[in-house]
N, C-alpha and C. Protein backbone atom coordinates (compact mmCIF):
# COMPACT_ATOMS: atom_id res chain seq x y z
N MET A 1 -164.11 65.50 -104.65
CA MET A 1 -163.32 66.27 -105.60
C MET A 1 -164.21 66.64 -106.78
N PHE A 2 -164.01 67.81 -107.31
CA PHE A 2 -164.77 68.29 -108.45
C PHE A 2 -164.02 67.99 -109.73
N TYR A 3 -164.71 67.44 -110.70
CA TYR A 3 -164.13 67.27 -112.03
C TYR A 3 -165.26 67.36 -113.05
N SER A 4 -165.03 68.11 -114.09
CA SER A 4 -165.99 68.20 -115.18
C SER A 4 -165.21 68.42 -116.48
N ASN A 5 -165.61 67.72 -117.54
CA ASN A 5 -164.93 67.91 -118.82
C ASN A 5 -165.69 68.89 -119.72
N THR A 6 -166.79 69.43 -119.21
CA THR A 6 -167.47 70.51 -119.92
C THR A 6 -167.33 71.77 -119.08
N MET A 7 -167.54 72.89 -119.71
CA MET A 7 -167.42 74.14 -118.97
C MET A 7 -168.41 74.17 -117.83
N SER A 8 -167.95 74.68 -116.71
CA SER A 8 -168.80 74.80 -115.53
C SER A 8 -168.75 76.23 -115.02
N ILE A 9 -169.90 76.69 -114.55
CA ILE A 9 -169.98 78.00 -113.91
C ILE A 9 -170.51 77.76 -112.50
N LEU A 10 -169.78 78.28 -111.54
CA LEU A 10 -170.14 78.16 -110.14
C LEU A 10 -170.69 79.49 -109.63
N LEU A 11 -171.85 79.45 -109.03
CA LEU A 11 -172.45 80.63 -108.40
C LEU A 11 -172.10 80.55 -106.92
N THR A 12 -171.38 81.56 -106.44
CA THR A 12 -170.88 81.49 -105.07
C THR A 12 -170.71 82.89 -104.48
N SER A 13 -170.28 82.93 -103.25
CA SER A 13 -170.01 84.20 -102.57
C SER A 13 -168.51 84.48 -102.62
N PHE A 14 -168.15 85.72 -102.36
CA PHE A 14 -166.73 86.04 -102.24
C PHE A 14 -166.10 85.17 -101.16
N LYS A 15 -166.78 85.06 -100.03
CA LYS A 15 -166.25 84.30 -98.89
C LYS A 15 -165.94 82.86 -99.29
N MET A 16 -166.87 82.21 -99.95
CA MET A 16 -166.66 80.80 -100.34
C MET A 16 -165.72 80.66 -101.53
N SER A 17 -165.53 81.72 -102.31
CA SER A 17 -164.72 81.63 -103.52
C SER A 17 -163.29 81.16 -103.23
N GLU A 18 -162.77 81.54 -102.10
CA GLU A 18 -161.40 81.17 -101.75
C GLU A 18 -161.22 79.65 -101.70
N LYS A 19 -162.27 78.93 -101.37
CA LYS A 19 -162.19 77.46 -101.28
C LYS A 19 -162.14 76.79 -102.65
N PHE A 20 -162.59 77.51 -103.68
CA PHE A 20 -162.69 76.91 -105.00
C PHE A 20 -161.55 77.27 -105.94
N ILE A 21 -160.77 78.26 -105.60
CA ILE A 21 -159.70 78.71 -106.50
C ILE A 21 -158.61 77.66 -106.66
N ASP A 22 -158.28 76.95 -105.61
CA ASP A 22 -157.14 76.03 -105.64
C ASP A 22 -157.51 74.57 -105.82
N LEU A 23 -158.71 74.29 -106.28
CA LEU A 23 -159.07 72.91 -106.56
C LEU A 23 -158.26 72.40 -107.75
N PRO A 24 -158.11 71.07 -107.90
CA PRO A 24 -157.41 70.55 -109.09
C PRO A 24 -158.01 71.08 -110.39
N THR A 25 -159.32 71.19 -110.43
CA THR A 25 -159.99 71.86 -111.54
C THR A 25 -160.36 73.23 -111.01
N SER A 26 -159.50 74.20 -111.23
CA SER A 26 -159.72 75.51 -110.60
C SER A 26 -160.75 76.33 -111.36
N PHE A 27 -161.38 77.22 -110.62
CA PHE A 27 -162.37 78.13 -111.16
C PHE A 27 -161.76 79.52 -111.20
N GLU A 28 -161.88 80.17 -112.35
CA GLU A 28 -161.42 81.55 -112.47
C GLU A 28 -162.50 82.46 -111.90
N PRO A 29 -162.16 83.32 -110.93
CA PRO A 29 -163.19 84.12 -110.26
C PRO A 29 -163.53 85.42 -111.00
N TYR A 30 -164.81 85.76 -110.98
CA TYR A 30 -165.31 87.01 -111.51
C TYR A 30 -166.30 87.59 -110.50
N SER A 31 -166.32 88.89 -110.40
CA SER A 31 -167.29 89.57 -109.56
C SER A 31 -168.50 89.96 -110.40
N VAL A 32 -169.70 89.65 -109.87
CA VAL A 32 -170.94 90.12 -110.49
C VAL A 32 -171.69 91.02 -109.50
N SER A 33 -170.98 91.46 -108.48
CA SER A 33 -171.58 92.38 -107.51
C SER A 33 -171.31 93.82 -107.94
N ARG A 34 -172.03 94.74 -107.33
CA ARG A 34 -171.82 96.15 -107.67
C ARG A 34 -170.46 96.62 -107.20
N TRP A 35 -169.95 96.04 -106.15
CA TRP A 35 -168.59 96.29 -105.70
C TRP A 35 -168.17 95.07 -104.89
N GLN A 36 -166.88 94.88 -104.79
CA GLN A 36 -166.39 93.69 -104.11
C GLN A 36 -165.61 94.06 -102.86
N PRO A 37 -165.52 93.13 -101.91
CA PRO A 37 -164.77 93.41 -100.69
C PRO A 37 -163.34 93.82 -101.02
N SER A 38 -162.76 94.65 -100.17
CA SER A 38 -161.46 95.25 -100.46
C SER A 38 -160.34 94.24 -100.65
N LYS A 39 -160.44 93.08 -100.04
CA LYS A 39 -159.34 92.11 -100.17
C LYS A 39 -159.40 91.30 -101.48
N TYR A 40 -160.42 91.54 -102.29
CA TYR A 40 -160.57 90.83 -103.56
C TYR A 40 -160.30 91.78 -104.71
N ASN A 41 -159.78 91.22 -105.77
CA ASN A 41 -159.53 92.00 -106.98
C ASN A 41 -159.88 91.15 -108.20
N TYR A 42 -161.10 90.62 -108.18
CA TYR A 42 -161.56 89.77 -109.28
C TYR A 42 -161.97 90.65 -110.46
N LYS A 43 -161.82 90.10 -111.66
CA LYS A 43 -162.34 90.80 -112.83
C LYS A 43 -163.84 91.00 -112.63
N SER A 44 -164.32 92.15 -113.04
CA SER A 44 -165.72 92.49 -112.81
C SER A 44 -166.54 92.37 -114.09
N LEU A 45 -167.68 91.73 -113.97
CA LEU A 45 -168.65 91.63 -115.07
C LEU A 45 -169.82 92.53 -114.71
N ASP A 46 -169.60 93.84 -114.83
CA ASP A 46 -170.61 94.83 -114.43
C ASP A 46 -171.94 94.64 -115.14
N PHE A 47 -171.91 94.15 -116.35
CA PHE A 47 -173.14 93.95 -117.12
C PHE A 47 -174.01 92.84 -116.54
N LEU A 48 -173.49 92.08 -115.55
CA LEU A 48 -174.29 91.07 -114.85
C LEU A 48 -174.61 91.50 -113.42
N GLY A 49 -174.32 92.75 -113.09
CA GLY A 49 -174.60 93.26 -111.75
C GLY A 49 -176.09 93.44 -111.51
N ALA A 50 -176.43 93.73 -110.27
CA ALA A 50 -177.83 93.94 -109.87
C ALA A 50 -178.17 95.42 -110.02
N TYR A 51 -178.57 95.78 -111.24
CA TYR A 51 -178.94 97.16 -111.56
C TYR A 51 -180.33 97.16 -112.20
N ASP A 52 -180.97 98.32 -112.16
CA ASP A 52 -182.22 98.46 -112.90
C ASP A 52 -181.92 99.01 -114.29
N VAL A 53 -182.93 99.21 -115.09
CA VAL A 53 -182.76 99.62 -116.48
C VAL A 53 -182.04 100.96 -116.61
N ASN A 54 -182.09 101.79 -115.57
CA ASN A 54 -181.40 103.08 -115.58
C ASN A 54 -179.96 102.99 -115.10
N GLY A 55 -179.53 101.79 -114.71
CA GLY A 55 -178.18 101.61 -114.20
C GLY A 55 -178.05 101.94 -112.72
N ASP A 56 -179.18 102.15 -112.05
CA ASP A 56 -179.16 102.39 -110.60
C ASP A 56 -179.13 101.06 -109.87
N ARG A 57 -178.56 101.07 -108.65
CA ARG A 57 -178.48 99.82 -107.91
C ARG A 57 -179.88 99.29 -107.61
N LEU A 58 -180.00 98.00 -107.79
CA LEU A 58 -181.28 97.34 -107.59
C LEU A 58 -181.30 96.76 -106.18
N LEU A 59 -182.32 97.14 -105.43
CA LEU A 59 -182.45 96.67 -104.06
C LEU A 59 -183.78 95.95 -103.89
N LEU A 60 -183.78 94.93 -103.06
CA LEU A 60 -185.01 94.21 -102.78
C LEU A 60 -185.88 94.97 -101.79
N LYS A 61 -185.25 95.75 -100.92
CA LYS A 61 -185.98 96.49 -99.89
C LYS A 61 -187.08 97.34 -100.53
N GLY A 62 -188.31 97.15 -100.05
CA GLY A 62 -189.43 97.92 -100.57
C GLY A 62 -189.96 97.40 -101.90
N SER A 63 -189.51 96.23 -102.31
CA SER A 63 -189.92 95.65 -103.59
C SER A 63 -190.28 94.19 -103.38
N SER A 64 -191.03 93.63 -104.28
CA SER A 64 -191.33 92.20 -104.24
C SER A 64 -190.26 91.45 -105.03
N PRO A 65 -190.09 90.16 -104.74
CA PRO A 65 -189.14 89.37 -105.54
C PRO A 65 -189.45 89.41 -107.04
N ASP A 66 -190.73 89.38 -107.39
CA ASP A 66 -191.11 89.41 -108.81
C ASP A 66 -190.72 90.74 -109.46
N LYS A 67 -190.93 91.85 -108.74
CA LYS A 67 -190.56 93.15 -109.29
C LYS A 67 -189.04 93.26 -109.42
N TYR A 68 -188.32 92.76 -108.43
CA TYR A 68 -186.85 92.74 -108.47
C TYR A 68 -186.37 91.99 -109.72
N LYS A 69 -186.94 90.80 -109.92
CA LYS A 69 -186.57 89.97 -111.08
C LYS A 69 -186.86 90.70 -112.38
N LEU A 70 -188.04 91.30 -112.49
CA LEU A 70 -188.43 92.03 -113.69
C LEU A 70 -187.46 93.19 -113.96
N GLN A 71 -187.14 93.95 -112.93
CA GLN A 71 -186.23 95.09 -113.11
C GLN A 71 -184.83 94.63 -113.50
N LEU A 72 -184.38 93.53 -112.92
CA LEU A 72 -183.06 93.00 -113.28
C LEU A 72 -183.04 92.55 -114.73
N PHE A 73 -184.08 91.83 -115.15
CA PHE A 73 -184.13 91.36 -116.53
C PHE A 73 -184.25 92.52 -117.51
N GLU A 74 -184.92 93.60 -117.13
CA GLU A 74 -184.97 94.78 -117.99
C GLU A 74 -183.57 95.33 -118.22
N PHE A 75 -182.74 95.34 -117.17
CA PHE A 75 -181.35 95.79 -117.30
C PHE A 75 -180.58 94.87 -118.24
N TYR A 76 -180.75 93.55 -118.07
CA TYR A 76 -180.05 92.59 -118.94
C TYR A 76 -180.51 92.73 -120.38
N ILE A 77 -181.80 92.92 -120.61
CA ILE A 77 -182.31 93.09 -121.97
C ILE A 77 -181.72 94.35 -122.60
N LYS A 78 -181.68 95.43 -121.84
CA LYS A 78 -181.10 96.68 -122.35
C LYS A 78 -179.64 96.47 -122.76
N ASN A 79 -178.95 95.61 -122.03
CA ASN A 79 -177.53 95.33 -122.29
C ASN A 79 -177.32 93.98 -122.96
N TRP A 80 -178.35 93.50 -123.67
CA TRP A 80 -178.30 92.14 -124.19
C TRP A 80 -177.13 91.89 -125.14
N LYS A 81 -176.76 92.87 -125.92
CA LYS A 81 -175.64 92.67 -126.85
C LYS A 81 -174.38 92.24 -126.09
N VAL A 82 -174.11 92.88 -124.96
CA VAL A 82 -172.93 92.54 -124.14
C VAL A 82 -173.14 91.20 -123.44
N VAL A 83 -174.33 91.00 -122.85
CA VAL A 83 -174.62 89.74 -122.15
C VAL A 83 -174.52 88.57 -123.13
N ASP A 84 -175.14 88.71 -124.29
CA ASP A 84 -175.12 87.65 -125.30
C ASP A 84 -173.70 87.39 -125.80
N GLY A 85 -172.93 88.45 -125.99
CA GLY A 85 -171.53 88.28 -126.40
C GLY A 85 -170.75 87.49 -125.36
N TRP A 86 -170.99 87.79 -124.08
CA TRP A 86 -170.31 87.05 -123.01
C TRP A 86 -170.74 85.58 -123.04
N LEU A 87 -172.04 85.34 -123.15
CA LEU A 87 -172.54 83.96 -123.19
C LEU A 87 -171.91 83.19 -124.36
N LYS A 88 -171.82 83.81 -125.51
CA LYS A 88 -171.25 83.15 -126.68
C LYS A 88 -169.74 82.94 -126.56
N SER A 89 -169.09 83.75 -125.73
CA SER A 89 -167.63 83.63 -125.57
C SER A 89 -167.23 82.49 -124.64
N LEU A 90 -168.16 81.96 -123.88
CA LEU A 90 -167.83 80.89 -122.92
C LEU A 90 -167.49 79.61 -123.67
N ASP A 91 -166.42 78.95 -123.22
CA ASP A 91 -166.02 77.71 -123.88
C ASP A 91 -165.55 76.70 -122.85
N ASN A 92 -165.18 75.53 -123.33
CA ASN A 92 -164.80 74.44 -122.44
C ASN A 92 -163.36 74.49 -121.96
N ASP A 93 -162.65 75.57 -122.24
CA ASP A 93 -161.26 75.66 -121.84
C ASP A 93 -161.07 76.03 -120.37
N LYS A 94 -162.12 76.49 -119.72
CA LYS A 94 -161.95 76.88 -118.32
C LYS A 94 -163.27 76.78 -117.58
N HIS A 95 -163.16 76.85 -116.27
CA HIS A 95 -164.31 76.89 -115.38
C HIS A 95 -164.27 78.23 -114.68
N ILE A 96 -165.43 78.83 -114.50
CA ILE A 96 -165.44 80.14 -113.86
C ILE A 96 -166.42 80.15 -112.69
N MET A 97 -166.20 81.09 -111.80
CA MET A 97 -167.17 81.32 -110.73
C MET A 97 -167.60 82.77 -110.74
N LEU A 98 -168.88 82.95 -110.51
CA LEU A 98 -169.48 84.27 -110.45
C LEU A 98 -169.76 84.57 -108.98
N CYS A 99 -169.12 85.61 -108.47
CA CYS A 99 -169.15 85.89 -107.03
C CYS A 99 -169.96 87.11 -106.69
N CYS A 100 -170.68 86.99 -105.58
CA CYS A 100 -171.49 88.06 -105.04
C CYS A 100 -171.32 88.02 -103.51
N TRP A 101 -171.87 88.97 -102.84
CA TRP A 101 -171.81 89.01 -101.37
C TRP A 101 -172.68 87.93 -100.73
N CYS A 102 -173.78 87.61 -101.38
CA CYS A 102 -174.80 86.74 -100.79
C CYS A 102 -174.28 85.33 -100.55
N PRO A 103 -174.63 84.73 -99.47
CA PRO A 103 -175.58 85.12 -98.45
C PRO A 103 -174.95 85.78 -97.22
N TYR A 104 -173.84 86.47 -97.41
CA TYR A 104 -173.13 87.04 -96.26
C TYR A 104 -173.32 88.55 -96.09
N SER A 105 -174.13 89.17 -96.92
CA SER A 105 -174.43 90.59 -96.73
C SER A 105 -175.41 90.69 -95.55
N GLU A 106 -175.51 91.86 -94.98
CA GLU A 106 -176.43 92.05 -93.85
C GLU A 106 -177.87 91.78 -94.27
N SER A 107 -178.25 92.24 -95.46
CA SER A 107 -179.64 92.04 -95.89
C SER A 107 -179.96 90.57 -96.12
N THR A 108 -179.03 89.81 -96.70
CA THR A 108 -179.32 88.39 -96.92
C THR A 108 -179.25 87.60 -95.62
N LYS A 109 -178.44 88.02 -94.68
CA LYS A 109 -178.45 87.37 -93.35
C LYS A 109 -179.82 87.56 -92.71
N ARG A 110 -180.40 88.76 -92.84
CA ARG A 110 -181.75 89.01 -92.30
C ARG A 110 -182.78 88.14 -93.02
N GLN A 111 -182.66 88.04 -94.33
CA GLN A 111 -183.60 87.22 -95.09
C GLN A 111 -183.55 85.76 -94.62
N LEU A 112 -182.34 85.26 -94.42
CA LEU A 112 -182.19 83.87 -93.95
C LEU A 112 -182.83 83.68 -92.59
N LYS A 113 -182.63 84.64 -91.71
CA LYS A 113 -183.20 84.56 -90.37
C LYS A 113 -184.73 84.60 -90.42
N GLU A 114 -185.29 85.49 -91.24
CA GLU A 114 -186.73 85.68 -91.29
C GLU A 114 -187.46 84.66 -92.17
N HIS A 115 -186.83 84.22 -93.28
CA HIS A 115 -187.53 83.39 -94.26
C HIS A 115 -186.87 82.04 -94.53
N ASP A 116 -185.71 81.80 -93.93
CA ASP A 116 -184.93 80.58 -94.17
C ASP A 116 -184.53 80.43 -95.65
N SER A 117 -184.46 81.57 -96.34
CA SER A 117 -183.97 81.60 -97.71
C SER A 117 -183.48 83.02 -97.98
N PHE A 118 -182.77 83.18 -99.10
CA PHE A 118 -182.30 84.51 -99.46
C PHE A 118 -182.44 84.71 -100.96
N ILE A 119 -182.54 85.96 -101.36
CA ILE A 119 -182.67 86.31 -102.77
C ILE A 119 -181.34 86.86 -103.25
N CYS A 120 -180.88 86.32 -104.37
CA CYS A 120 -179.63 86.78 -104.97
C CYS A 120 -179.76 86.70 -106.49
N HIS A 121 -179.26 87.72 -107.15
CA HIS A 121 -179.37 87.77 -108.61
C HIS A 121 -178.53 86.71 -109.31
N THR A 122 -177.56 86.11 -108.61
CA THR A 122 -176.73 85.09 -109.27
C THR A 122 -177.57 83.90 -109.73
N GLY A 123 -178.61 83.57 -108.97
CA GLY A 123 -179.48 82.47 -109.39
C GLY A 123 -180.17 82.78 -110.70
N LEU A 124 -180.54 84.05 -110.88
CA LEU A 124 -181.18 84.46 -112.14
C LEU A 124 -180.18 84.43 -113.29
N ILE A 125 -178.93 84.74 -113.00
CA ILE A 125 -177.88 84.59 -114.02
C ILE A 125 -177.78 83.12 -114.41
N GLY A 126 -177.87 82.23 -113.42
CA GLY A 126 -177.86 80.79 -113.70
C GLY A 126 -179.01 80.38 -114.61
N LYS A 127 -180.18 80.97 -114.40
CA LYS A 127 -181.33 80.68 -115.27
C LYS A 127 -181.04 81.11 -116.72
N ILE A 128 -180.40 82.26 -116.88
CA ILE A 128 -180.05 82.74 -118.22
C ILE A 128 -179.07 81.78 -118.87
N ILE A 129 -178.08 81.33 -118.12
CA ILE A 129 -177.10 80.37 -118.65
C ILE A 129 -177.80 79.08 -119.05
N ASN A 130 -178.70 78.57 -118.19
CA ASN A 130 -179.47 77.36 -118.51
C ASN A 130 -180.19 77.51 -119.85
N LYS A 131 -180.81 78.67 -120.06
CA LYS A 131 -181.63 78.87 -121.26
C LYS A 131 -180.79 79.05 -122.52
N PHE A 132 -179.77 79.90 -122.44
CA PHE A 132 -179.04 80.27 -123.66
C PHE A 132 -177.77 79.47 -123.88
N ARG A 133 -177.28 78.79 -122.85
CA ARG A 133 -176.11 77.93 -122.98
C ARG A 133 -176.34 76.62 -122.22
N PRO A 134 -177.29 75.81 -122.68
CA PRO A 134 -177.61 74.56 -121.98
C PRO A 134 -176.45 73.57 -121.95
N ASP A 135 -175.42 73.82 -122.75
CA ASP A 135 -174.24 72.96 -122.77
C ASP A 135 -173.31 73.22 -121.59
N ILE A 136 -173.56 74.26 -120.83
CA ILE A 136 -172.70 74.63 -119.70
C ILE A 136 -173.34 74.14 -118.41
N ASP A 137 -172.54 73.49 -117.57
CA ASP A 137 -173.01 73.02 -116.27
C ASP A 137 -173.00 74.17 -115.27
N VAL A 138 -174.11 74.34 -114.57
CA VAL A 138 -174.21 75.36 -113.53
C VAL A 138 -174.14 74.67 -112.17
N TYR A 139 -173.27 75.20 -111.33
CA TYR A 139 -173.11 74.70 -109.97
C TYR A 139 -173.38 75.83 -108.99
N MET A 140 -173.78 75.47 -107.79
CA MET A 140 -173.90 76.43 -106.70
C MET A 140 -173.17 75.84 -105.49
N ASP A 141 -172.62 76.71 -104.65
CA ASP A 141 -171.99 76.20 -103.42
C ASP A 141 -173.08 75.79 -102.44
N LYS A 142 -172.67 75.12 -101.36
CA LYS A 142 -173.65 74.58 -100.41
C LYS A 142 -174.48 75.67 -99.74
N ASP A 143 -173.96 76.88 -99.61
CA ASP A 143 -174.74 77.98 -99.04
C ASP A 143 -175.94 78.33 -99.91
N HIS A 144 -175.81 78.11 -101.19
CA HIS A 144 -176.88 78.49 -102.12
C HIS A 144 -178.05 77.50 -102.13
N ILE A 145 -177.98 76.45 -101.34
CA ILE A 145 -179.13 75.56 -101.16
C ILE A 145 -180.31 76.38 -100.63
N LYS A 146 -180.00 77.44 -99.88
CA LYS A 146 -181.04 78.28 -99.28
C LYS A 146 -181.47 79.42 -100.20
N LEU A 147 -181.01 79.42 -101.44
CA LEU A 147 -181.44 80.44 -102.40
C LEU A 147 -182.95 80.31 -102.63
N TYR A 148 -183.64 81.43 -102.63
CA TYR A 148 -185.08 81.49 -102.86
C TYR A 148 -185.42 80.66 -104.10
N LYS A 149 -186.29 79.68 -103.94
CA LYS A 149 -186.55 78.68 -104.99
C LYS A 149 -186.87 79.27 -106.36
N PRO A 150 -187.75 80.30 -106.47
CA PRO A 150 -188.01 80.84 -107.81
C PRO A 150 -186.79 81.50 -108.47
N PHE A 151 -185.74 81.78 -107.72
CA PHE A 151 -184.54 82.38 -108.28
C PHE A 151 -183.47 81.33 -108.60
N GLN A 152 -183.70 80.08 -108.26
CA GLN A 152 -182.71 79.04 -108.53
C GLN A 152 -182.68 78.69 -110.02
N PRO A 153 -181.48 78.39 -110.53
CA PRO A 153 -181.41 77.91 -111.92
C PRO A 153 -182.29 76.67 -112.09
N ASN A 154 -182.72 76.43 -113.31
CA ASN A 154 -183.56 75.26 -113.59
C ASN A 154 -182.75 73.97 -113.47
N ARG A 155 -181.50 74.02 -113.87
CA ARG A 155 -180.61 72.86 -113.80
C ARG A 155 -179.33 73.29 -113.10
N TYR A 156 -179.01 72.63 -112.03
CA TYR A 156 -177.77 72.93 -111.30
C TYR A 156 -177.40 71.75 -110.42
N ARG A 157 -176.17 71.79 -109.97
CA ARG A 157 -175.69 70.84 -108.97
C ARG A 157 -175.04 71.62 -107.86
N ILE A 158 -175.04 71.05 -106.69
CA ILE A 158 -174.40 71.66 -105.53
C ILE A 158 -173.00 71.08 -105.36
N ILE A 159 -172.02 71.94 -105.15
CA ILE A 159 -170.66 71.49 -104.83
C ILE A 159 -170.47 71.68 -103.33
N GLU A 160 -170.13 70.62 -102.66
CA GLU A 160 -169.80 70.69 -101.24
C GLU A 160 -168.34 70.32 -101.06
N LEU A 161 -167.62 71.13 -100.34
CA LEU A 161 -166.21 70.83 -100.05
C LEU A 161 -166.06 70.41 -98.62
């Protein structure tokens, strides 16, 4: 069973999110993907999406992980006022989950097959939370054990149900 008396943020997929909504300590779901599956209607945090500095969708295809990370952070820096406002608004009154397609998108399934890991921007969001809100606990679901190591938050725990 999950219990935490400090605010917790869970990095998970849409698919796994359903398992976490009805826990005794429930997580409020948010989408950080560019779009969400049709059966979901989570509040969207577009400012945490995978975009480049021009607001175009950021893709790993044809890019290195380092370039992807740099381009994502350029987008966050450009929108830092909103990102920082969101970080400062987080409090201990609730637990939230940030949902993305990974690792269930076709591209991340291929990455897992080829590299036994996958790249997802949610891990980089976790790194930002670690740095600017060290008082918040970051969790990842068991699927995120396979998250590409350089993209993993510096401090996190795995929740297994």
